[in-house]
N, C-alpha and C. Protein backbone atom coordinates (compact mmCIF):
# COMPACT_ATOMS: atom_id res chain seq x y z
N MET A 1 4.34 30.45 0.83
CA MET A 1 4.81 29.85 2.06
C MET A 1 3.76 28.87 2.55
N GLY A 2 4.16 27.65 2.84
CA GLY A 2 3.25 26.65 3.34
C GLY A 2 3.48 26.38 4.81
N ILE A 3 2.52 25.77 5.42
CA ILE A 3 2.62 25.39 6.82
C ILE A 3 2.61 23.87 6.85
N PRO A 4 3.73 23.24 7.23
CA PRO A 4 3.74 21.78 7.27
C PRO A 4 2.89 21.27 8.42
N VAL A 5 2.03 20.29 8.12
CA VAL A 5 1.18 19.69 9.13
C VAL A 5 1.36 18.19 9.03
N THR A 6 1.71 17.55 10.14
CA THR A 6 1.88 16.11 10.18
C THR A 6 0.80 15.54 11.08
N GLY A 7 0.09 14.54 10.57
CA GLY A 7 -0.97 13.91 11.35
C GLY A 7 -0.53 12.55 11.84
N VAL A 8 -1.04 12.15 12.99
CA VAL A 8 -0.73 10.85 13.54
C VAL A 8 -1.60 9.78 12.90
N LYS A 9 -2.85 10.11 12.60
CA LYS A 9 -3.73 9.16 11.95
C LYS A 9 -4.63 9.91 10.98
N PRO A 10 -5.10 9.21 9.93
CA PRO A 10 -5.97 9.86 8.95
C PRO A 10 -7.29 10.28 9.56
N GLY A 11 -7.90 11.28 8.97
CA GLY A 11 -9.21 11.75 9.41
C GLY A 11 -9.33 13.25 9.28
N ASN A 12 -10.39 13.80 9.86
CA ASN A 12 -10.62 15.23 9.81
C ASN A 12 -10.29 15.85 11.15
N THR A 13 -9.74 17.04 11.12
CA THR A 13 -9.39 17.76 12.34
C THR A 13 -9.33 19.25 12.01
N THR A 14 -8.93 20.05 12.96
CA THR A 14 -8.71 21.47 12.69
C THR A 14 -7.31 21.84 13.17
N VAL A 15 -6.75 22.83 12.51
CA VAL A 15 -5.47 23.38 12.90
C VAL A 15 -5.73 24.81 13.34
N THR A 16 -5.22 25.19 14.50
CA THR A 16 -5.35 26.55 14.99
C THR A 16 -4.06 27.29 14.70
N ILE A 17 -4.18 28.41 14.00
CA ILE A 17 -3.02 29.23 13.66
C ILE A 17 -3.13 30.52 14.45
N ASN A 18 -2.11 30.77 15.27
CA ASN A 18 -2.07 31.98 16.08
C ASN A 18 -0.97 32.90 15.56
N SER A 19 -1.25 34.19 15.57
CA SER A 19 -0.27 35.18 15.13
C SER A 19 0.74 35.43 16.24
N LYS A 20 2.02 35.47 15.86
CA LYS A 20 3.07 35.78 16.83
C LYS A 20 3.10 37.28 17.14
N THR A 21 2.73 38.09 16.16
CA THR A 21 2.83 39.54 16.33
C THR A 21 1.55 40.16 16.87
N SER A 22 0.41 39.55 16.61
CA SER A 22 -0.86 40.08 17.10
C SER A 22 -1.58 38.98 17.87
N PRO A 23 -1.52 39.00 19.18
CA PRO A 23 -2.08 37.92 19.99
C PRO A 23 -3.59 37.74 19.84
N ASN A 24 -4.30 38.73 19.34
CA ASN A 24 -5.75 38.61 19.20
C ASN A 24 -6.16 37.99 17.86
N ILE A 25 -5.20 37.64 17.02
CA ILE A 25 -5.54 37.06 15.72
C ILE A 25 -5.29 35.55 15.78
N SER A 26 -6.35 34.81 15.55
CA SER A 26 -6.28 33.35 15.57
C SER A 26 -7.26 32.82 14.53
N LYS A 27 -6.90 31.76 13.86
CA LYS A 27 -7.77 31.20 12.82
C LYS A 27 -7.75 29.68 12.95
N LYS A 28 -8.94 29.07 12.94
CA LYS A 28 -9.07 27.61 12.91
C LYS A 28 -9.35 27.20 11.47
N VAL A 29 -8.57 26.26 10.98
CA VAL A 29 -8.68 25.82 9.59
C VAL A 29 -8.97 24.33 9.58
N PRO A 30 -10.05 23.89 8.90
CA PRO A 30 -10.30 22.45 8.80
C PRO A 30 -9.30 21.80 7.84
N VAL A 31 -8.79 20.64 8.23
CA VAL A 31 -7.86 19.91 7.38
C VAL A 31 -8.25 18.43 7.36
N THR A 32 -7.88 17.76 6.29
CA THR A 32 -8.06 16.31 6.20
C THR A 32 -6.67 15.70 6.18
N VAL A 33 -6.40 14.84 7.13
CA VAL A 33 -5.11 14.16 7.21
C VAL A 33 -5.20 12.90 6.34
N LYS A 34 -4.31 12.80 5.36
CA LYS A 34 -4.25 11.64 4.47
C LYS A 34 -3.28 10.62 5.04
N SER A 35 -3.49 9.37 4.70
CA SER A 35 -2.59 8.30 5.11
C SER A 35 -1.24 8.46 4.44
N ARG A 36 -0.17 8.10 5.15
CA ARG A 36 1.15 8.08 4.52
C ARG A 36 1.27 6.89 3.59
N ASN A 37 0.36 5.90 3.74
CA ASN A 37 0.35 4.71 2.89
C ASN A 37 -0.28 5.08 1.55
N LEU A 38 0.51 5.06 0.49
CA LEU A 38 0.07 5.50 -0.83
C LEU A 38 -0.70 4.43 -1.60
N LEU A 39 -0.80 3.22 -1.06
CA LEU A 39 -1.50 2.15 -1.76
C LEU A 39 -3.01 2.31 -1.68
N ALA A 40 -3.69 1.63 -2.57
CA ALA A 40 -5.15 1.47 -2.54
C ALA A 40 -5.40 0.02 -2.91
N TYR A 41 -6.33 -0.61 -2.23
CA TYR A 41 -6.69 -1.99 -2.53
C TYR A 41 -8.06 -2.27 -1.97
N GLY A 42 -8.54 -3.47 -2.16
CA GLY A 42 -9.85 -3.88 -1.66
C GLY A 42 -10.03 -5.36 -1.92
N PRO A 43 -11.27 -5.83 -1.93
CA PRO A 43 -11.50 -7.26 -2.15
C PRO A 43 -11.06 -7.70 -3.54
N ALA A 44 -10.58 -8.94 -3.60
CA ALA A 44 -10.18 -9.52 -4.88
C ALA A 44 -10.23 -11.04 -4.77
N SER A 45 -10.55 -11.68 -5.87
CA SER A 45 -10.56 -13.14 -5.89
C SER A 45 -10.20 -13.61 -7.29
N ALA A 46 -9.12 -14.39 -7.38
CA ALA A 46 -8.68 -14.93 -8.66
C ALA A 46 -7.59 -15.97 -8.40
N ASN A 47 -7.43 -16.87 -9.33
CA ASN A 47 -6.34 -17.85 -9.28
C ASN A 47 -6.28 -18.59 -7.94
N ALA A 48 -7.42 -19.00 -7.43
CA ALA A 48 -7.56 -19.77 -6.19
C ALA A 48 -7.17 -18.96 -4.95
N LEU A 49 -7.10 -17.64 -5.06
CA LEU A 49 -6.75 -16.79 -3.92
C LEU A 49 -7.85 -15.77 -3.69
N THR A 50 -8.37 -15.72 -2.47
CA THR A 50 -9.40 -14.75 -2.11
C THR A 50 -8.82 -13.78 -1.09
N VAL A 51 -8.99 -12.49 -1.37
CA VAL A 51 -8.46 -11.45 -0.49
C VAL A 51 -9.63 -10.58 -0.03
N THR A 52 -9.71 -10.35 1.27
CA THR A 52 -10.73 -9.47 1.83
C THR A 52 -10.03 -8.43 2.70
N VAL A 53 -10.73 -7.34 2.96
CA VAL A 53 -10.18 -6.28 3.80
C VAL A 53 -10.66 -6.51 5.23
N ALA A 54 -9.71 -6.61 6.14
CA ALA A 54 -10.03 -6.80 7.56
C ALA A 54 -10.53 -5.49 8.16
N GLN A 55 -11.09 -5.56 9.34
CA GLN A 55 -11.65 -4.40 10.04
C GLN A 55 -10.65 -3.25 10.15
N ASP A 56 -9.38 -3.57 10.37
CA ASP A 56 -8.36 -2.53 10.54
C ASP A 56 -7.80 -2.01 9.22
N GLY A 57 -8.27 -2.54 8.09
CA GLY A 57 -7.81 -2.10 6.78
C GLY A 57 -6.68 -2.95 6.21
N SER A 58 -6.23 -3.94 6.95
CA SER A 58 -5.21 -4.85 6.43
C SER A 58 -5.88 -5.86 5.51
N LEU A 59 -5.09 -6.72 4.89
CA LEU A 59 -5.63 -7.70 3.95
C LEU A 59 -5.57 -9.11 4.53
N ASP A 60 -6.72 -9.78 4.53
CA ASP A 60 -6.78 -11.20 4.87
C ASP A 60 -6.80 -11.97 3.55
N PHE A 61 -6.00 -13.00 3.43
CA PHE A 61 -5.99 -13.77 2.21
C PHE A 61 -6.08 -15.25 2.52
N ASP A 62 -6.70 -15.99 1.60
CA ASP A 62 -6.94 -17.41 1.83
C ASP A 62 -7.17 -18.11 0.49
N SER A 63 -6.58 -19.27 0.35
CA SER A 63 -6.84 -20.08 -0.84
C SER A 63 -7.61 -21.34 -0.47
N GLY A 64 -8.09 -21.41 0.79
CA GLY A 64 -8.76 -22.64 1.21
C GLY A 64 -7.76 -23.78 1.14
N THR A 65 -8.18 -24.91 0.61
CA THR A 65 -7.27 -26.05 0.48
C THR A 65 -6.60 -26.12 -0.89
N GLU A 66 -6.97 -25.17 -1.78
CA GLU A 66 -6.39 -25.17 -3.12
C GLU A 66 -5.00 -24.55 -3.12
N SER A 67 -4.17 -24.99 -4.07
CA SER A 67 -2.88 -24.37 -4.29
C SER A 67 -3.06 -23.15 -5.17
N VAL A 68 -2.33 -22.10 -4.88
CA VAL A 68 -2.32 -20.93 -5.76
C VAL A 68 -1.35 -21.24 -6.90
N PRO A 69 -1.77 -21.10 -8.16
CA PRO A 69 -0.86 -21.41 -9.27
C PRO A 69 0.41 -20.55 -9.22
N LEU A 70 1.52 -21.15 -9.63
CA LEU A 70 2.81 -20.48 -9.63
C LEU A 70 2.76 -19.18 -10.44
N TYR A 71 3.25 -18.10 -9.85
CA TYR A 71 3.30 -16.76 -10.44
C TYR A 71 1.91 -16.18 -10.74
N LYS A 72 0.89 -16.69 -10.09
CA LYS A 72 -0.47 -16.17 -10.26
C LYS A 72 -0.96 -15.66 -8.91
N GLY A 73 -2.00 -14.84 -8.95
CA GLY A 73 -2.57 -14.30 -7.73
C GLY A 73 -3.56 -13.21 -8.06
N VAL A 74 -3.51 -12.12 -7.28
CA VAL A 74 -4.44 -11.01 -7.46
C VAL A 74 -3.66 -9.71 -7.67
N ARG A 75 -4.35 -8.70 -8.22
CA ARG A 75 -3.71 -7.42 -8.48
C ARG A 75 -4.71 -6.30 -8.36
N TRP A 76 -4.20 -5.08 -8.15
CA TRP A 76 -4.99 -3.87 -8.13
C TRP A 76 -4.28 -2.84 -8.99
N GLU A 77 -5.01 -2.17 -9.85
CA GLU A 77 -4.44 -1.09 -10.67
C GLU A 77 -4.64 0.22 -9.93
N LEU A 78 -3.56 0.99 -9.79
CA LEU A 78 -3.58 2.23 -9.02
C LEU A 78 -3.14 3.40 -9.87
N ASP A 79 -3.82 4.51 -9.73
CA ASP A 79 -3.32 5.76 -10.32
C ASP A 79 -2.13 6.21 -9.49
N VAL A 80 -1.10 6.71 -10.14
CA VAL A 80 0.08 7.19 -9.44
C VAL A 80 -0.23 8.58 -8.88
N PRO A 81 -0.15 8.75 -7.54
CA PRO A 81 -0.40 10.07 -6.96
C PRO A 81 0.60 11.10 -7.47
N GLU A 82 0.14 12.32 -7.60
CA GLU A 82 0.99 13.41 -8.06
C GLU A 82 2.18 13.58 -7.10
N GLY A 83 3.33 13.81 -7.68
CA GLY A 83 4.50 14.12 -6.87
C GLY A 83 5.34 12.93 -6.43
N ILE A 84 4.98 11.68 -6.82
CA ILE A 84 5.79 10.56 -6.36
C ILE A 84 6.59 9.89 -7.48
N VAL A 85 6.44 10.37 -8.71
CA VAL A 85 7.22 9.81 -9.81
C VAL A 85 8.66 10.29 -9.70
N GLY A 86 9.59 9.33 -9.76
CA GLY A 86 11.01 9.68 -9.74
C GLY A 86 11.59 9.97 -8.37
N VAL A 87 10.80 9.82 -7.31
CA VAL A 87 11.31 10.06 -5.96
C VAL A 87 11.43 8.74 -5.21
N PRO A 88 12.30 8.66 -4.20
CA PRO A 88 12.46 7.41 -3.45
C PRO A 88 11.18 7.03 -2.70
N LEU A 89 10.81 5.76 -2.83
CA LEU A 89 9.68 5.18 -2.12
C LEU A 89 10.15 3.89 -1.46
N ILE A 90 9.42 3.45 -0.44
CA ILE A 90 9.75 2.18 0.17
C ILE A 90 8.50 1.33 0.29
N LEU A 91 8.60 0.08 -0.15
CA LEU A 91 7.52 -0.91 -0.07
C LEU A 91 7.84 -1.83 1.09
N SER A 92 6.89 -1.99 2.01
CA SER A 92 7.14 -2.82 3.19
C SER A 92 5.86 -3.57 3.56
N TYR A 93 6.02 -4.53 4.45
CA TYR A 93 4.86 -5.27 4.94
C TYR A 93 5.12 -5.71 6.37
N THR A 94 4.04 -5.98 7.08
CA THR A 94 4.08 -6.71 8.33
C THR A 94 2.97 -7.73 8.25
N GLY A 95 3.13 -8.80 8.97
CA GLY A 95 2.09 -9.81 8.99
C GLY A 95 2.62 -11.18 8.64
N ASP A 96 1.69 -12.09 8.52
CA ASP A 96 1.98 -13.49 8.28
C ASP A 96 2.05 -13.72 6.77
N VAL A 97 3.26 -13.85 6.23
CA VAL A 97 3.43 -14.05 4.80
C VAL A 97 4.03 -15.43 4.58
N PRO A 98 3.26 -16.36 4.05
CA PRO A 98 3.85 -17.66 3.73
C PRO A 98 5.00 -17.48 2.76
N GLY A 99 5.98 -18.36 2.82
CA GLY A 99 7.17 -18.25 2.01
C GLY A 99 6.94 -18.21 0.52
N THR A 100 5.75 -18.56 0.08
CA THR A 100 5.51 -18.61 -1.36
C THR A 100 4.84 -17.36 -1.92
N LEU A 101 4.44 -16.41 -1.08
CA LEU A 101 3.78 -15.22 -1.59
C LEU A 101 4.77 -14.08 -1.81
N VAL A 102 4.58 -13.39 -2.93
CA VAL A 102 5.41 -12.24 -3.27
C VAL A 102 4.48 -11.04 -3.45
N ILE A 103 4.83 -9.92 -2.84
CA ILE A 103 4.08 -8.67 -2.98
C ILE A 103 4.93 -7.77 -3.85
N GLY A 104 4.42 -7.37 -5.01
CA GLY A 104 5.22 -6.58 -5.92
C GLY A 104 4.48 -5.39 -6.47
N LEU A 105 5.25 -4.39 -6.90
CA LEU A 105 4.71 -3.22 -7.57
C LEU A 105 5.24 -3.23 -8.99
N TYR A 106 4.33 -3.05 -9.95
CA TYR A 106 4.67 -3.15 -11.37
C TYR A 106 4.25 -1.89 -12.10
N ALA A 107 5.06 -1.51 -13.10
CA ALA A 107 4.73 -0.41 -14.01
C ALA A 107 4.96 -0.92 -15.42
N ASN A 108 3.94 -0.81 -16.26
CA ASN A 108 4.04 -1.26 -17.65
C ASN A 108 4.52 -2.71 -17.73
N ALA A 109 3.97 -3.58 -16.88
CA ALA A 109 4.27 -5.01 -16.81
C ALA A 109 5.69 -5.32 -16.34
N ASN A 110 6.44 -4.32 -15.89
CA ASN A 110 7.80 -4.53 -15.38
C ASN A 110 7.81 -4.37 -13.86
N SER A 111 8.47 -5.29 -13.20
CA SER A 111 8.57 -5.22 -11.74
C SER A 111 9.43 -4.05 -11.31
N LEU A 112 8.91 -3.27 -10.37
CA LEU A 112 9.69 -2.18 -9.77
C LEU A 112 10.38 -2.66 -8.49
N GLY A 113 9.92 -3.79 -7.96
CA GLY A 113 10.48 -4.35 -6.74
C GLY A 113 9.39 -5.05 -5.96
N GLY A 114 9.81 -5.92 -5.05
CA GLY A 114 8.84 -6.67 -4.28
C GLY A 114 9.37 -7.04 -2.91
N VAL A 115 8.47 -7.52 -2.08
CA VAL A 115 8.80 -7.99 -0.75
C VAL A 115 8.19 -9.37 -0.57
N TYR A 116 8.85 -10.18 0.22
CA TYR A 116 8.38 -11.53 0.53
C TYR A 116 9.11 -11.98 1.77
N GLN A 117 8.78 -13.18 2.25
CA GLN A 117 9.39 -13.67 3.48
C GLN A 117 10.91 -13.62 3.35
N GLY A 118 11.56 -12.95 4.26
CA GLY A 118 13.01 -12.82 4.23
C GLY A 118 13.50 -11.58 3.49
N LYS A 119 12.63 -10.89 2.78
CA LYS A 119 13.03 -9.65 2.08
C LYS A 119 11.94 -8.62 2.32
N ASN A 120 12.28 -7.53 2.95
CA ASN A 120 11.31 -6.50 3.27
C ASN A 120 11.97 -5.14 3.06
N ASN A 121 11.17 -4.09 3.11
CA ASN A 121 11.68 -2.73 2.99
C ASN A 121 12.47 -2.53 1.69
N THR A 122 11.78 -2.72 0.58
CA THR A 122 12.40 -2.61 -0.74
C THR A 122 12.25 -1.19 -1.28
N ALA A 123 13.38 -0.60 -1.67
CA ALA A 123 13.37 0.75 -2.27
C ALA A 123 12.84 0.66 -3.69
N ILE A 124 11.96 1.59 -4.04
CA ILE A 124 11.32 1.62 -5.35
C ILE A 124 11.32 3.06 -5.86
N THR A 125 11.47 3.21 -7.17
CA THR A 125 11.28 4.50 -7.81
C THR A 125 10.36 4.28 -9.00
N ILE A 126 9.29 5.03 -9.08
CA ILE A 126 8.36 4.92 -10.20
C ILE A 126 8.93 5.73 -11.36
N PRO A 127 9.10 5.08 -12.53
CA PRO A 127 9.72 5.77 -13.67
C PRO A 127 8.91 6.97 -14.16
N LYS A 128 9.63 7.98 -14.66
CA LYS A 128 8.98 9.16 -15.23
C LYS A 128 8.05 8.74 -16.35
N GLY A 129 6.92 9.42 -16.46
CA GLY A 129 5.93 9.13 -17.48
C GLY A 129 4.91 8.07 -17.07
N THR A 130 5.11 7.43 -15.92
CA THR A 130 4.19 6.39 -15.45
C THR A 130 2.98 7.04 -14.79
N THR A 131 1.78 6.64 -15.20
CA THR A 131 0.56 7.18 -14.60
C THR A 131 -0.22 6.13 -13.82
N ARG A 132 0.06 4.83 -14.09
CA ARG A 132 -0.62 3.74 -13.38
C ARG A 132 0.39 2.67 -13.01
N VAL A 133 0.19 2.07 -11.85
CA VAL A 133 1.00 0.94 -11.41
C VAL A 133 0.06 -0.17 -10.94
N GLU A 134 0.61 -1.36 -10.77
CA GLU A 134 -0.16 -2.48 -10.24
C GLU A 134 0.49 -2.98 -8.96
N LEU A 135 -0.33 -3.21 -7.95
CA LEU A 135 0.08 -3.93 -6.75
C LEU A 135 -0.33 -5.37 -6.98
N ARG A 136 0.61 -6.30 -6.87
CA ARG A 136 0.32 -7.72 -7.09
C ARG A 136 0.70 -8.54 -5.87
N ILE A 137 -0.15 -9.50 -5.55
CA ILE A 137 0.18 -10.54 -4.58
C ILE A 137 0.07 -11.85 -5.34
N SER A 138 1.20 -12.53 -5.50
CA SER A 138 1.21 -13.75 -6.30
C SER A 138 2.10 -14.80 -5.63
N ARG A 139 1.94 -16.02 -6.08
CA ARG A 139 2.75 -17.10 -5.52
C ARG A 139 4.02 -17.24 -6.33
N GLY A 140 5.15 -17.13 -5.67
CA GLY A 140 6.44 -17.38 -6.30
C GLY A 140 7.00 -18.66 -5.73
N GLY A 141 8.23 -18.95 -6.03
CA GLY A 141 8.83 -20.17 -5.50
C GLY A 141 8.29 -21.40 -6.20
N VAL A 142 8.66 -22.56 -5.72
CA VAL A 142 8.27 -23.80 -6.38
C VAL A 142 7.40 -24.69 -5.52
N THR A 143 7.18 -24.32 -4.27
CA THR A 143 6.41 -25.14 -3.36
C THR A 143 4.92 -24.90 -3.54
N ALA A 144 4.21 -25.93 -3.96
CA ALA A 144 2.75 -25.81 -4.11
C ALA A 144 2.12 -25.88 -2.72
N GLY A 145 0.93 -25.38 -2.60
CA GLY A 145 0.22 -25.48 -1.35
C GLY A 145 -0.76 -24.35 -1.18
N SER A 146 -1.62 -24.50 -0.19
CA SER A 146 -2.59 -23.45 0.10
C SER A 146 -1.88 -22.35 0.90
N VAL A 147 -2.45 -21.17 0.86
CA VAL A 147 -1.88 -20.04 1.59
C VAL A 147 -2.99 -19.31 2.33
N SER A 148 -2.67 -18.80 3.49
CA SER A 148 -3.61 -17.95 4.22
C SER A 148 -2.82 -17.10 5.19
N GLY A 149 -3.38 -15.96 5.54
CA GLY A 149 -2.71 -15.07 6.48
C GLY A 149 -3.26 -13.67 6.41
N ASN A 150 -2.56 -12.75 7.04
CA ASN A 150 -2.95 -11.35 7.08
C ASN A 150 -1.72 -10.51 6.76
N LEU A 151 -1.92 -9.51 5.91
CA LEU A 151 -0.83 -8.64 5.50
C LEU A 151 -1.18 -7.18 5.77
N LYS A 152 -0.20 -6.43 6.19
CA LYS A 152 -0.28 -4.98 6.28
C LYS A 152 0.80 -4.46 5.34
N ILE A 153 0.38 -4.06 4.14
CA ILE A 153 1.31 -3.64 3.10
C ILE A 153 1.32 -2.12 3.04
N GLN A 154 2.50 -1.55 2.84
CA GLN A 154 2.60 -0.09 2.80
C GLN A 154 3.61 0.36 1.75
N LEU A 155 3.23 1.39 1.01
CA LEU A 155 4.13 2.10 0.11
C LEU A 155 4.14 3.54 0.59
N GLU A 156 5.33 4.07 0.88
CA GLU A 156 5.40 5.42 1.41
C GLU A 156 6.62 6.15 0.87
N LEU A 157 6.59 7.46 0.98
CA LEU A 157 7.70 8.29 0.55
C LEU A 157 8.91 8.07 1.44
N GLY A 158 10.09 8.15 0.83
CA GLY A 158 11.33 8.10 1.60
C GLY A 158 12.02 6.76 1.54
N ASN A 159 13.04 6.62 2.38
CA ASN A 159 13.87 5.42 2.41
C ASN A 159 13.67 4.59 3.67
N THR A 160 12.78 5.03 4.55
CA THR A 160 12.58 4.35 5.83
C THR A 160 11.13 3.93 5.99
N ALA A 161 10.93 2.67 6.30
CA ALA A 161 9.57 2.18 6.56
C ALA A 161 9.14 2.58 7.97
N HIS A 162 7.91 3.08 8.08
CA HIS A 162 7.35 3.45 9.37
C HIS A 162 6.26 2.46 9.75
N ASP A 163 5.69 2.63 10.94
CA ASP A 163 4.59 1.78 11.35
C ASP A 163 3.49 1.84 10.29
N TRP A 164 2.86 0.70 10.05
CA TRP A 164 1.83 0.59 9.03
C TRP A 164 0.66 1.53 9.35
N MET A 165 0.12 2.13 8.30
CA MET A 165 -1.05 2.98 8.40
C MET A 165 -2.05 2.51 7.34
N ARG A 166 -3.29 2.43 7.71
CA ARG A 166 -4.35 2.03 6.78
C ARG A 166 -4.36 2.98 5.58
N PRO A 167 -4.45 2.42 4.35
CA PRO A 167 -4.56 3.31 3.18
C PRO A 167 -5.88 4.07 3.19
N ASP A 168 -5.93 5.18 2.48
CA ASP A 168 -7.17 5.96 2.40
C ASP A 168 -8.27 5.20 1.64
N ASN A 169 -7.90 4.36 0.67
CA ASN A 169 -8.88 3.63 -0.13
C ASN A 169 -8.70 2.13 0.06
N THR A 170 -9.67 1.49 0.72
CA THR A 170 -9.65 0.03 0.89
C THR A 170 -10.88 -0.61 0.24
N SER A 171 -11.43 0.06 -0.77
CA SER A 171 -12.59 -0.49 -1.48
C SER A 171 -12.34 -0.64 -2.98
N LEU A 172 -11.08 -0.57 -3.40
CA LEU A 172 -10.73 -0.74 -4.81
C LEU A 172 -10.82 -2.21 -5.18
N ARG A 173 -11.61 -2.54 -6.19
CA ARG A 173 -11.78 -3.92 -6.63
C ARG A 173 -10.51 -4.41 -7.32
N GLY A 174 -10.11 -5.63 -6.99
CA GLY A 174 -8.93 -6.23 -7.60
C GLY A 174 -9.31 -7.22 -8.66
N GLY A 175 -8.31 -7.73 -9.37
CA GLY A 175 -8.51 -8.71 -10.43
C GLY A 175 -7.41 -9.74 -10.41
N ALA A 176 -7.29 -10.47 -11.50
CA ALA A 176 -6.35 -11.59 -11.59
C ALA A 176 -5.00 -11.17 -12.13
N VAL A 177 -3.94 -11.80 -11.62
CA VAL A 177 -2.63 -11.72 -12.23
C VAL A 177 -2.58 -12.84 -13.25
N ASN A 178 -2.48 -12.49 -14.50
CA ASN A 178 -2.49 -13.51 -15.57
C ASN A 178 -1.10 -13.87 -16.00
């Protein structure tokens, strides 16, 4: 039998468990609240796009005056957390997303789904047998140009996107989308 505990924000806290039958029995248990955001990311720079982690854990991105090459950008390789293969997930974002950027999740070089300006809250299922996925931010569309902005990207269990929560890991080094 488990005791469900829902946290409002990640961090350390204690849970007090009181006995219903014996009022003198009480136990404080330390717990670590994990983020509902299953993603991990961090700084990355490739294909004329530089991504840094903002103070709040969101992503700032900038290409300066350079154009980001079509279908190129940055990526992060993530281990798939236990228990999320084959279950409904939702990929969402908030923030300033220029019309040419696409945020996608890939498994074995195949797109599982993505979000971009005008399309958000994409349902995703990670295929059975998958142990690693890639989060990619790349330029789609045909309009060349520089890009900059701030993104709050989230992958979470279920079919409904909730308010963005900082991921537990924002120091994962990224690389290039080739």
